[in-house]
Amino acid sequence: MRDEISPEIFAKLADLAAFRFNPEEAEYLRMELNQQLKAIRQLETLALDVDVPLVPRGVTYTAESRPPLRPDVWVPFENPEEILNQAPEVEDGYLIVPDIPHRELD
């Protein structure tokens, strides 16, 4: 297969995406990606008529076929205390959530 993802390329991509895999996981995912590439290559060999328009989903949505957007209407909840009582931590009517741990990327 052409354009196969080598272990070295996979390791570089995983590092750029800040993923950490053990060797078995990395090899499994690399092989799965290569199978996806193989399927894409097979799809590329299909003959299509030149007059078939490109569409992002396979179904063309026009203004006439698209359902109308609903109005964005705010509807207050009757008893916000019901929701707040379910939260593990509340302060002044607001839900307190833990900080999301993060680190700066190189």
PDB file of N, CA and C in Angstrom:
ATOM      1  N   MET A   1       0.848  -1.181   0.000  1.00  0.00           N
ATOM      2  CA  MET A   1       0.000   0.000   0.000  1.00  0.00           C
ATOM      3  C   MET A   1       0.891   1.241   0.000  1.00  0.00           C
ATOM      4  N   ARG A   2       0.515   2.197  -0.817  1.00  0.00           N
ATOM      5  CA  ARG A   2       1.306   3.429  -0.851  1.00  0.00           C
ATOM      6  C   ARG A   2       0.874   4.347   0.297  1.00  0.00           C
ATOM      7  N   ASP A   3       1.743   5.224   0.681  1.00  0.00           N
ATOM      8  CA  ASP A   3       1.463   6.199   1.735  1.00  0.00           C
ATOM      9  C   ASP A   3       1.097   5.544   3.066  1.00  0.00           C
ATOM     10  N   GLU A   4       1.732   4.452   3.385  1.00  0.00           N
ATOM     11  CA  GLU A   4       1.458   3.802   4.664  1.00  0.00           C
ATOM     12  C   GLU A   4       2.073   4.621   5.793  1.00  0.00           C
ATOM     13  N   ILE A   5       1.398   4.650   6.912  1.00  0.00           N
ATOM     14  CA  ILE A   5       1.906   5.360   8.085  1.00  0.00           C
ATOM     15  C   ILE A   5       2.900   4.449   8.788  1.00  0.00           C
ATOM     16  N   SER A   6       4.142   4.858   8.792  1.00  0.00           N
ATOM     17  CA  SER A   6       5.194   4.057   9.427  1.00  0.00           C
ATOM     18  C   SER A   6       5.151   4.286  10.941  1.00  0.00           C
ATOM     19  N   PRO A   7       5.796   3.389  11.704  1.00  0.00           N
ATOM     20  CA  PRO A   7       5.844   3.593  13.153  1.00  0.00           C
ATOM     21  C   PRO A   7       6.479   4.936  13.530  1.00  0.00           C
ATOM     22  N   GLU A   8       7.471   5.368  12.757  1.00  0.00           N
ATOM     23  CA  GLU A   8       8.132   6.638  13.053  1.00  0.00           C
ATOM     24  C   GLU A   8       7.191   7.822  12.830  1.00  0.00           C
ATOM     25  N   ILE A   9       6.451   7.787  11.714  1.00  0.00           N
ATOM     26  CA  ILE A   9       5.500   8.868  11.429  1.00  0.00           C
ATOM     27  C   ILE A   9       4.386   8.875  12.468  1.00  0.00           C
ATOM     28  N   PHE A  10       3.896   7.684  12.838  1.00  0.00           N
ATOM     29  CA  PHE A  10       2.842   7.611  13.846  1.00  0.00           C
ATOM     30  C   PHE A  10       3.339   8.190  15.178  1.00  0.00           C
ATOM     31  N   ALA A  11       4.570   7.855  15.560  1.00  0.00           N
ATOM     32  CA  ALA A  11       5.123   8.370  16.816  1.00  0.00           C
ATOM     33  C   ALA A  11       5.208   9.893  16.779  1.00  0.00           C
ATOM     34  N   LYS A  12       5.603  10.453  15.642  1.00  0.00           N
ATOM     35  CA  LYS A  12       5.698  11.912  15.505  1.00  0.00           C
ATOM     36  C   LYS A  12       4.308  12.547  15.588  1.00  0.00           C
ATOM     37  N   LEU A  13       3.319  11.964  14.898  1.00  0.00           N
ATOM     38  CA  LEU A  13       1.952  12.496  14.954  1.00  0.00           C
ATOM     39  C   LEU A  13       1.373  12.420  16.363  1.00  0.00           C
ATOM     40  N   ALA A  14       1.605  11.302  17.037  1.00  0.00           N
ATOM     41  CA  ALA A  14       1.106  11.148  18.406  1.00  0.00           C
ATOM     42  C   ALA A  14       1.754  12.178  19.325  1.00  0.00           C
ATOM     43  N   ASP A  15       3.044  12.443  19.123  1.00  0.00           N
ATOM     44  CA  ASP A  15       3.741  13.437  19.932  1.00  0.00           C
ATOM     45  C   ASP A  15       3.197  14.837  19.666  1.00  0.00           C
ATOM     46  N   LEU A  16       2.953  15.168  18.394  1.00  0.00           N
ATOM     47  CA  LEU A  16       2.410  16.483  18.060  1.00  0.00           C
ATOM     48  C   LEU A  16       1.008  16.678  18.653  1.00  0.00           C
ATOM     49  N   ALA A  17       0.232  15.606  18.730  1.00  0.00           N
ATOM     50  CA  ALA A  17      -1.115  15.682  19.284  1.00  0.00           C
ATOM     51  C   ALA A  17      -1.112  15.518  20.798  1.00  0.00           C
ATOM     52  N   ALA A  18       0.050  15.363  21.402  1.00  0.00           N
ATOM     53  CA  ALA A  18       0.215  15.181  22.849  1.00  0.00           C
ATOM     54  C   ALA A  18      -0.500  13.933  23.339  1.00  0.00           C
ATOM     55  N   PHE A  19      -0.494  12.864  22.514  1.00  0.00           N
ATOM     56  CA  PHE A  19      -1.050  11.576  22.921  1.00  0.00           C
ATOM     57  C   PHE A  19       0.076  10.699  23.439  1.00  0.00           C
ATOM     58  N   ARG A  20      -0.242   9.894  24.409  1.00  0.00           N
ATOM     59  CA  ARG A  20       0.718   8.928  24.935  1.00  0.00           C
ATOM     60  C   ARG A  20       0.080   7.547  24.843  1.00  0.00           C
ATOM     61  N   PHE A  21       0.699   6.655  24.096  1.00  0.00           N
ATOM     62  CA  PHE A  21       0.207   5.293  23.934  1.00  0.00           C
ATOM     63  C   PHE A  21       1.287   4.320  24.355  1.00  0.00           C
ATOM     64  N   ASN A  22       0.847   3.170  24.899  1.00  0.00           N
ATOM     65  CA  ASN A  22       1.836   2.118  25.116  1.00  0.00           C
ATOM     66  C   ASN A  22       2.095   1.475  23.754  1.00  0.00           C
ATOM     67  N   PRO A  23       3.152   0.697  23.614  1.00  0.00           N
ATOM     68  CA  PRO A  23       3.519   0.159  22.295  1.00  0.00           C
ATOM     69  C   PRO A  23       2.396  -0.649  21.620  1.00  0.00           C
ATOM     70  N   GLU A  24       1.630  -1.419  22.397  1.00  0.00           N
ATOM     71  CA  GLU A  24       0.553  -2.214  21.811  1.00  0.00           C
ATOM     72  C   GLU A  24      -0.561  -1.303  21.278  1.00  0.00           C
ATOM     73  N   GLU A  25      -0.926  -0.282  22.042  1.00  0.00           N
ATOM     74  CA  GLU A  25      -1.953   0.655  21.590  1.00  0.00           C
ATOM     75  C   GLU A  25      -1.503   1.393  20.334  1.00  0.00           C
ATOM     76  N   ALA A  26      -0.256   1.827  20.343  1.00  0.00           N
ATOM     77  CA  ALA A  26       0.268   2.576  19.198  1.00  0.00           C
ATOM     78  C   ALA A  26       0.237   1.726  17.936  1.00  0.00           C
ATOM     79  N   GLU A  27       0.657   0.485  18.037  1.00  0.00           N
ATOM     80  CA  GLU A  27       0.669  -0.382  16.855  1.00  0.00           C
ATOM     81  C   GLU A  27      -0.751  -0.671  16.378  1.00  0.00           C
ATOM     82  N   TYR A  28      -1.662  -0.900  17.305  1.00  0.00           N
ATOM     83  CA  TYR A  28      -3.060  -1.149  16.927  1.00  0.00           C
ATOM     84  C   TYR A  28      -3.647   0.067  16.204  1.00  0.00           C
ATOM     85  N   LEU A  29      -3.463   1.260  16.765  1.00  0.00           N
ATOM     86  CA  LEU A  29      -4.002   2.469  16.137  1.00  0.00           C
ATOM     87  C   LEU A  29      -3.340   2.755  14.792  1.00  0.00           C
ATOM     88  N   ARG A  30      -2.047   2.516  14.691  1.00  0.00           N
ATOM     89  CA  ARG A  30      -1.347   2.720  13.427  1.00  0.00           C
ATOM     90  C   ARG A  30      -1.908   1.799  12.353  1.00  0.00           C
ATOM     91  N   MET A  31      -2.147   0.543  12.715  1.00  0.00           N
ATOM     92  CA  MET A  31      -2.708  -0.405  11.751  1.00  0.00           C
ATOM     93  C   MET A  31      -4.133  -0.012  11.368  1.00  0.00           C
ATOM     94  N   GLU A  32      -4.921   0.465  12.324  1.00  0.00           N
ATOM     95  CA  GLU A  32      -6.284   0.920  12.021  1.00  0.00           C
ATOM     96  C   GLU A  32      -6.256   2.119  11.069  1.00  0.00           C
ATOM     97  N   LEU A  33      -5.354   3.062  11.300  1.00  0.00           N
ATOM     98  CA  LEU A  33      -5.235   4.207  10.399  1.00  0.00           C
ATOM     99  C   LEU A  33      -4.826   3.761   9.000  1.00  0.00           C
ATOM    100  N   ASN A  34      -3.936   2.805   8.928  1.00  0.00           N
ATOM    101  CA  ASN A  34      -3.527   2.299   7.621  1.00  0.00           C
ATOM    102  C   ASN A  34      -4.688   1.602   6.917  1.00  0.00           C
ATOM    103  N   GLN A  35      -5.550   0.928   7.672  1.00  0.00           N
ATOM    104  CA  GLN A  35      -6.733   0.315   7.058  1.00  0.00           C
ATOM    105  C   GLN A  35      -7.685   1.390   6.535  1.00  0.00           C
ATOM    106  N   GLN A  36      -7.812   2.494   7.276  1.00  0.00           N
ATOM    107  CA  GLN A  36      -8.650   3.599   6.810  1.00  0.00           C
ATOM    108  C   GLN A  36      -8.074   4.197   5.527  1.00  0.00           C
ATOM    109  N   LEU A  37      -6.765   4.371   5.482  1.00  0.00           N
ATOM    110  CA  LEU A  37      -6.131   4.878   4.259  1.00  0.00           C
ATOM    111  C   LEU A  37      -6.357   3.930   3.085  1.00  0.00           C
ATOM    112  N   LYS A  38      -6.295   2.636   3.353  1.00  0.00           N
ATOM    113  CA  LYS A  38      -6.541   1.654   2.303  1.00  0.00           C
ATOM    114  C   LYS A  38      -7.967   1.789   1.770  1.00  0.00           C
ATOM    115  N   ALA A  39      -8.938   1.974   2.667  1.00  0.00           N
ATOM    116  CA  ALA A  39     -10.335   2.136   2.249  1.00  0.00           C
ATOM    117  C   ALA A  39     -10.503   3.417   1.423  1.00  0.00           C
ATOM    118  N   ILE A  40      -9.825   4.479   1.817  1.00  0.00           N
ATOM    119  CA  ILE A  40      -9.891   5.738   1.064  1.00  0.00           C
ATOM    120  C   ILE A  40      -9.311   5.537  -0.331  1.00  0.00           C
ATOM    121  N   ARG A  41      -8.186   4.834  -0.420  1.00  0.00           N
ATOM    122  CA  ARG A  41      -7.566   4.574  -1.728  1.00  0.00           C
ATOM    123  C   ARG A  41      -8.518   3.771  -2.618  1.00  0.00           C
ATOM    124  N   GLN A  42      -9.252   2.817  -2.022  1.00  0.00           N
ATOM    125  CA  GLN A  42     -10.211   2.032  -2.810  1.00  0.00           C
ATOM    126  C   GLN A  42     -11.354   2.914  -3.296  1.00  0.00           C
ATOM    127  N   LEU A  43     -11.812   3.829  -2.455  1.00  0.00           N
ATOM    128  CA  LEU A  43     -12.880   4.742  -2.874  1.00  0.00           C
ATOM    129  C   LEU A  43     -12.413   5.658  -4.002  1.00  0.00           C
ATOM    130  N   GLU A  44     -11.144   6.026  -3.972  1.00  0.00           N
ATOM    131  CA  GLU A  44     -10.604   6.899  -5.019  1.00  0.00           C
ATOM    132  C   GLU A  44     -10.621   6.242  -6.393  1.00  0.00           C
ATOM    133  N   THR A  45     -10.669   4.917  -6.431  1.00  0.00           N
ATOM    134  CA  THR A  45     -10.651   4.224  -7.718  1.00  0.00           C
ATOM    135  C   THR A  45     -12.031   4.160  -8.365  1.00  0.00           C
ATOM    136  N   LEU A  46     -13.088   4.519  -7.639  1.00  0.00           N
ATOM    137  CA  LEU A  46     -14.435   4.474  -8.201  1.00  0.00           C
ATOM    138  C   LEU A  46     -14.590   5.514  -9.300  1.00  0.00           C
ATOM    139  N   ALA A  47     -15.187   5.092 -10.396  1.00  0.00           N
ATOM    140  CA  ALA A  47     -15.427   6.014 -11.507  1.00  0.00           C
ATOM    141  C   ALA A  47     -16.728   6.778 -11.258  1.00  0.00           C
ATOM    142  N   LEU A  48     -16.649   8.082 -11.280  1.00  0.00           N
ATOM    143  CA  LEU A  48     -17.825   8.929 -11.100  1.00  0.00           C
ATOM    144  C   LEU A  48     -18.030   9.765 -12.351  1.00  0.00           C
ATOM    145  N   ASP A  49     -19.292  10.013 -12.672  1.00  0.00           N
ATOM    146  CA  ASP A  49     -19.579  10.904 -13.786  1.00  0.00           C
ATOM    147  C   ASP A  49     -19.078  12.304 -13.437  1.00  0.00           C
ATOM    148  N   VAL A  50     -18.600  13.009 -14.436  1.00  0.00           N
ATOM    149  CA  VAL A  50     -18.055  14.342 -14.198  1.00  0.00           C
ATOM    150  C   VAL A  50     -19.141  15.345 -13.821  1.00  0.00           C
ATOM    151  N   ASP A  51     -20.401  15.032 -14.136  1.00  0.00           N
ATOM    152  CA  ASP A  51     -21.474  15.976 -13.808  1.00  0.00           C
ATOM    153  C   ASP A  51     -22.078  15.739 -12.431  1.00  0.00           C
ATOM    154  N   VAL A  52     -21.523  14.808 -11.647  1.00  0.00           N
ATOM    155  CA  VAL A  52     -22.005  14.578 -10.283  1.00  0.00           C
ATOM    156  C   VAL A  52     -21.436  15.686  -9.401  1.00  0.00           C
ATOM    157  N   PRO A  53     -22.320  16.518  -8.818  1.00  0.00           N
ATOM    158  CA  PRO A  53     -21.802  17.619  -8.001  1.00  0.00           C
ATOM    159  C   PRO A  53     -21.231  17.126  -6.666  1.00  0.00           C
ATOM    160  N   LEU A  54     -20.224  17.819  -6.187  1.00  0.00           N
ATOM    161  CA  LEU A  54     -19.647  17.504  -4.891  1.00  0.00           C
ATOM    162  C   LEU A  54     -20.541  18.069  -3.791  1.00  0.00           C
ATOM    163  N   VAL A  55     -20.815  17.255  -2.778  1.00  0.00           N
ATOM    164  CA  VAL A  55     -21.611  17.706  -1.637  1.00  0.00           C
ATOM    165  C   VAL A  55     -20.926  17.208  -0.365  1.00  0.00           C
ATOM    166  N   PRO A  56     -21.024  17.966   0.711  1.00  0.00           N
ATOM    167  CA  PRO A  56     -20.310  17.575   1.926  1.00  0.00           C
ATOM    168  C   PRO A  56     -20.894  16.352   2.636  1.00  0.00           C
ATOM    169  N   ARG A  57     -22.206  16.076   2.469  1.00  0.00           N
ATOM    170  CA  ARG A  57     -22.820  14.989   3.221  1.00  0.00           C
ATOM    171  C   ARG A  57     -23.449  13.912   2.344  1.00  0.00           C
ATOM    172  N   GLY A  58     -23.496  14.094   1.068  1.00  0.00           N
ATOM    173  CA  GLY A  58     -24.161  13.140   0.213  1.00  0.00           C
ATOM    174  C   GLY A  58     -25.583  13.558  -0.111  1.00  0.00           C
ATOM    175  N   VAL A  59     -26.114  14.523   0.613  1.00  0.00           N
ATOM    176  CA  VAL A  59     -27.457  15.049   0.362  1.00  0.00           C
ATOM    177  C   VAL A  59     -27.321  16.556   0.195  1.00  0.00           C
ATOM    178  N   THR A  60     -27.844  17.062  -0.898  1.00  0.00           N
ATOM    179  CA  THR A  60     -27.787  18.495  -1.128  1.00  0.00           C
ATOM    180  C   THR A  60     -28.942  19.161  -0.394  1.00  0.00           C
ATOM    181  N   TYR A  61     -28.637  20.112   0.451  1.00  0.00           N
ATOM    182  CA  TYR A  61     -29.656  20.858   1.180  1.00  0.00           C
ATOM    183  C   TYR A  61     -29.802  22.230   0.537  1.00  0.00           C
ATOM    184  N   THR A  62     -30.994  22.501   0.104  1.00  0.00           N
ATOM    185  CA  THR A  62     -31.280  23.813  -0.461  1.00  0.00           C
ATOM    186  C   THR A  62     -32.154  24.575   0.514  1.00  0.00           C
ATOM    187  N   ALA A  63     -32.352  25.844   0.261  1.00  0.00           N
ATOM    188  CA  ALA A  63     -33.205  26.654   1.137  1.00  0.00           C
ATOM    189  C   ALA A  63     -34.624  26.095   1.177  1.00  0.00           C
ATOM    190  N   GLU A  64     -35.066  25.504   0.064  1.00  0.00           N
ATOM    191  CA  GLU A  64     -36.425  24.961   0.019  1.00  0.00           C
ATOM    192  C   GLU A  64     -36.556  23.654   0.801  1.00  0.00           C
ATOM    193  N   SER A  65     -35.507  22.851   0.840  1.00  0.00           N
ATOM    194  CA  SER A  65     -35.598  21.556   1.513  1.00  0.00           C
ATOM    195  C   SER A  65     -35.173  21.604   2.976  1.00  0.00           C
ATOM    196  N   ARG A  66     -34.562  22.666   3.388  1.00  0.00           N
ATOM    197  CA  ARG A  66     -34.077  22.793   4.760  1.00  0.00           C
ATOM    198  C   ARG A  66     -35.224  23.231   5.674  1.00  0.00           C
ATOM    199  N   PRO A  67     -35.393  22.594   6.840  1.00  0.00           N
ATOM    200  CA  PRO A  67     -36.443  23.054   7.743  1.00  0.00           C
ATOM    201  C   PRO A  67     -36.103  24.443   8.277  1.00  0.00           C
ATOM    202  N   PRO A  68     -37.115  25.235   8.581  1.00  0.00           N
ATOM    203  CA  PRO A  68     -36.832  26.583   9.082  1.00  0.00           C
ATOM    204  C   PRO A  68     -36.205  26.531  10.476  1.00  0.00           C
ATOM    205  N   LEU A  69     -35.382  27.519  10.762  1.00  0.00           N
ATOM    206  CA  LEU A  69     -34.757  27.605  12.075  1.00  0.00           C
ATOM    207  C   LEU A  69     -35.794  28.001  13.117  1.00  0.00           C
ATOM    208  N   ARG A  70     -35.651  27.417  14.291  1.00  0.00           N
ATOM    209  CA  ARG A  70     -36.548  27.794  15.380  1.00  0.00           C
ATOM    210  C   ARG A  70     -36.062  29.112  15.973  1.00  0.00           C
ATOM    211  N   PRO A  71     -36.983  29.924  16.473  1.00  0.00           N
ATOM    212  CA  PRO A  71     -36.541  31.156  17.132  1.00  0.00           C
ATOM    213  C   PRO A  71     -35.814  30.820  18.436  1.00  0.00           C
ATOM    214  N   ASP A  72     -34.817  31.600  18.739  1.00  0.00           N
ATOM    215  CA  ASP A  72     -34.050  31.415  19.961  1.00  0.00           C
ATOM    216  C   ASP A  72     -34.762  32.158  21.080  1.00  0.00           C
ATOM    217  N   VAL A  73     -35.526  31.414  21.872  1.00  0.00           N
ATOM    218  CA  VAL A  73     -36.353  32.016  22.912  1.00  0.00           C
ATOM    219  C   VAL A  73     -35.887  31.498  24.267  1.00  0.00           C
ATOM    220  N   TRP A  74     -35.634  32.423  25.169  1.00  0.00           N
ATOM    221  CA  TRP A  74     -35.232  32.042  26.519  1.00  0.00           C
ATOM    222  C   TRP A  74     -36.477  31.719  27.324  1.00  0.00           C
ATOM    223  N   VAL A  75     -36.482  30.538  27.949  1.00  0.00           N
ATOM    224  CA  VAL A  75     -37.592  30.129  28.802  1.00  0.00           C
ATOM    225  C   VAL A  75     -36.989  29.809  30.164  1.00  0.00           C
ATOM    226  N   PRO A  76     -37.314  30.604  31.183  1.00  0.00           N
ATOM    227  CA  PRO A  76     -36.726  30.354  32.502  1.00  0.00           C
ATOM    228  C   PRO A  76     -37.258  29.063  33.112  1.00  0.00           C
ATOM    229  N   PHE A  77     -36.389  28.377  33.855  1.00  0.00           N
ATOM    230  CA  PHE A  77     -36.790  27.165  34.569  1.00  0.00           C
ATOM    231  C   PHE A  77     -37.567  27.587  35.804  1.00  0.00           C
ATOM    232  N   GLU A  78     -38.659  26.891  36.071  1.00  0.00           N
ATOM    233  CA  GLU A  78     -39.547  27.293  37.164  1.00  0.00           C
ATOM    234  C   GLU A  78     -38.886  27.219  38.535  1.00  0.00           C
ATOM    235  N   ASN A  79     -38.042  26.205  38.746  1.00  0.00           N
ATOM    236  CA  ASN A  79     -37.454  26.019  40.070  1.00  0.00           C
ATOM    237  C   ASN A  79     -35.950  25.763  39.934  1.00  0.00           C
ATOM    238  N   PRO A  80     -35.137  26.820  39.810  1.00  0.00           N
ATOM    239  CA  PRO A  80     -33.697  26.599  39.659  1.00  0.00           C
ATOM    240  C   PRO A  80     -33.061  25.906  40.865  1.00  0.00           C
ATOM    241  N   GLU A  81     -33.669  26.023  42.018  1.00  0.00           N
ATOM    242  CA  GLU A  81     -33.128  25.346  43.209  1.00  0.00           C
ATOM    243  C   GLU A  81     -33.109  23.836  43.014  1.00  0.00           C
ATOM    244  N   GLU A  82     -34.048  23.326  42.234  1.00  0.00           N
ATOM    245  CA  GLU A  82     -34.104  21.893  41.955  1.00  0.00           C
ATOM    246  C   GLU A  82     -32.819  21.428  41.275  1.00  0.00           C
ATOM    247  N   ILE A  83     -32.303  22.243  40.370  1.00  0.00           N
ATOM    248  CA  ILE A  83     -31.058  21.907  39.687  1.00  0.00           C
ATOM    249  C   ILE A  83     -29.872  22.156  40.609  1.00  0.00           C
ATOM    250  N   LEU A  84     -29.859  23.297  41.282  1.00  0.00           N
ATOM    251  CA  LEU A  84     -28.731  23.649  42.143  1.00  0.00           C
ATOM    252  C   LEU A  84     -28.556  22.658  43.285  1.00  0.00           C
ATOM    253  N   ASN A  85     -29.650  22.080  43.770  1.00  0.00           N
ATOM    254  CA  ASN A  85     -29.561  21.106  44.862  1.00  0.00           C
ATOM    255  C   ASN A  85     -28.882  19.814  44.427  1.00  0.00           C
ATOM    256  N   GLN A  86     -28.800  19.575  43.136  1.00  0.00           N
ATOM    257  CA  GLN A  86     -28.156  18.359  42.629  1.00  0.00           C
ATOM    258  C   GLN A  86     -26.651  18.550  42.434  1.00  0.00           C
ATOM    259  N   ALA A  87     -26.201  19.784  42.451  1.00  0.00           N
ATOM    260  CA  ALA A  87     -24.787  20.067  42.188  1.00  0.00           C
ATOM    261  C   ALA A  87     -23.949  19.768  43.424  1.00  0.00           C
ATOM    262  N   PRO A  88     -22.722  19.291  43.226  1.00  0.00           N
ATOM    263  CA  PRO A  88     -21.866  19.024  44.377  1.00  0.00           C
ATOM    264  C   PRO A  88     -21.405  20.292  45.093  1.00  0.00           C
ATOM    265  N   GLU A  89     -21.311  21.410  44.341  1.00  0.00           N
ATOM    266  CA  GLU A  89     -20.859  22.654  44.963  1.00  0.00           C
ATOM    267  C   GLU A  89     -21.528  23.841  44.271  1.00  0.00           C
ATOM    268  N   VAL A  90     -22.113  24.742  45.081  1.00  0.00           N
ATOM    269  CA  VAL A  90     -22.822  25.920  44.581  1.00  0.00           C
ATOM    270  C   VAL A  90     -22.387  27.121  45.408  1.00  0.00           C
ATOM    271  N   GLU A  91     -22.271  28.265  44.750  1.00  0.00           N
ATOM    272  CA  GLU A  91     -21.938  29.500  45.461  1.00  0.00           C
ATOM    273  C   GLU A  91     -22.720  30.652  44.843  1.00  0.00           C
ATOM    274  N   ASP A  92     -23.512  31.336  45.630  1.00  0.00           N
ATOM    275  CA  ASP A  92     -24.311  32.481  45.183  1.00  0.00           C
ATOM    276  C   ASP A  92     -25.169  32.163  43.958  1.00  0.00           C
ATOM    277  N   GLY A  93     -25.729  30.945  43.931  1.00  0.00           N
ATOM    278  CA  GLY A  93     -26.600  30.565  42.828  1.00  0.00           C
ATOM    279  C   GLY A  93     -25.877  30.101  41.577  1.00  0.00           C
ATOM    280  N   TYR A  94     -24.556  29.944  41.646  1.00  0.00           N
ATOM    281  CA  TYR A  94     -23.771  29.490  40.501  1.00  0.00           C
ATOM    282  C   TYR A  94     -23.159  28.121  40.798  1.00  0.00           C
ATOM    283  N   LEU A  95     -23.074  27.287  39.786  1.00  0.00           N
ATOM    284  CA  LEU A  95     -22.425  25.987  39.934  1.00  0.00           C
ATOM    285  C   LEU A  95     -20.918  26.194  39.972  1.00  0.00           C
ATOM    286  N   ILE A  96     -20.253  25.550  40.903  1.00  0.00           N
ATOM    287  CA  ILE A  96     -18.797  25.605  41.002  1.00  0.00           C
ATOM    288  C   ILE A  96     -18.256  24.326  40.361  1.00  0.00           C
ATOM    289  N   VAL A  97     -17.383  24.498  39.383  1.00  0.00           N
ATOM    290  CA  VAL A  97     -16.799  23.349  38.700  1.00  0.00           C
ATOM    291  C   VAL A  97     -15.294  23.373  38.922  1.00  0.00           C
ATOM    292  N   PRO A  98     -14.670  22.189  38.919  1.00  0.00           N
ATOM    293  CA  PRO A  98     -13.220  22.163  39.133  1.00  0.00           C
ATOM    294  C   PRO A  98     -12.485  22.743  37.923  1.00  0.00           C
ATOM    295  N   ASP A  99     -11.294  23.254  38.184  1.00  0.00           N
ATOM    296  CA  ASP A  99     -10.454  23.743  37.103  1.00  0.00           C
ATOM    297  C   ASP A  99     -10.073  22.575  36.193  1.00  0.00           C
ATOM    298  N   ILE A 100      -9.930  22.856  34.916  1.00  0.00           N
ATOM    299  CA  ILE A 100      -9.480  21.850  33.967  1.00  0.00           C
ATOM    300  C   ILE A 100      -7.962  21.902  33.945  1.00  0.00           C
ATOM    301  N   PRO A 101      -7.313  20.798  34.312  1.00  0.00           N
ATOM    302  CA  PRO A 101      -5.848  20.824  34.306  1.00  0.00           C
ATOM    303  C   PRO A 101      -5.337  20.947  32.872  1.00  0.00           C
ATOM    304  N   HIS A 102      -4.315  21.746  32.694  1.00  0.00           N
ATOM    305  CA  HIS A 102      -3.726  21.924  31.385  1.00  0.00           C
ATOM    306  C   HIS A 102      -2.242  22.267  31.546  1.00  0.00           C
ATOM    307  N   ARG A 103      -1.569  22.145  30.437  1.00  0.00           N
ATOM    308  CA  ARG A 103      -0.155  22.516  30.440  1.00  0.00           C
ATOM    309  C   ARG A 103       0.148  23.179  29.110  1.00  0.00           C
ATOM    310  N   GLU A 104       1.170  23.982  29.109  1.00  0.00           N
ATOM    311  CA  GLU A 104       1.589  24.649  27.878  1.00  0.00           C
ATOM    312  C   GLU A 104       2.263  23.634  26.968  1.00  0.00           C
ATOM    313  N   LEU A 105       1.935  23.666  25.689  1.00  0.00           N
ATOM    314  CA  LEU A 105       2.576  22.777  24.724  1.00  0.00           C
ATOM    315  C   LEU A 105       3.884  23.379  24.256  1.00  0.00           C
ATOM    316  N   ASP A 106       4.826  22.530  23.928  1.00  0.00           N
ATOM    317  CA  ASP A 106       6.132  22.996  23.450  1.00  0.00           C
ATOM    318  C   ASP A 106       6.016  23.631  22.077  1.00  0.00           C
TER     319      ASP A 106
END
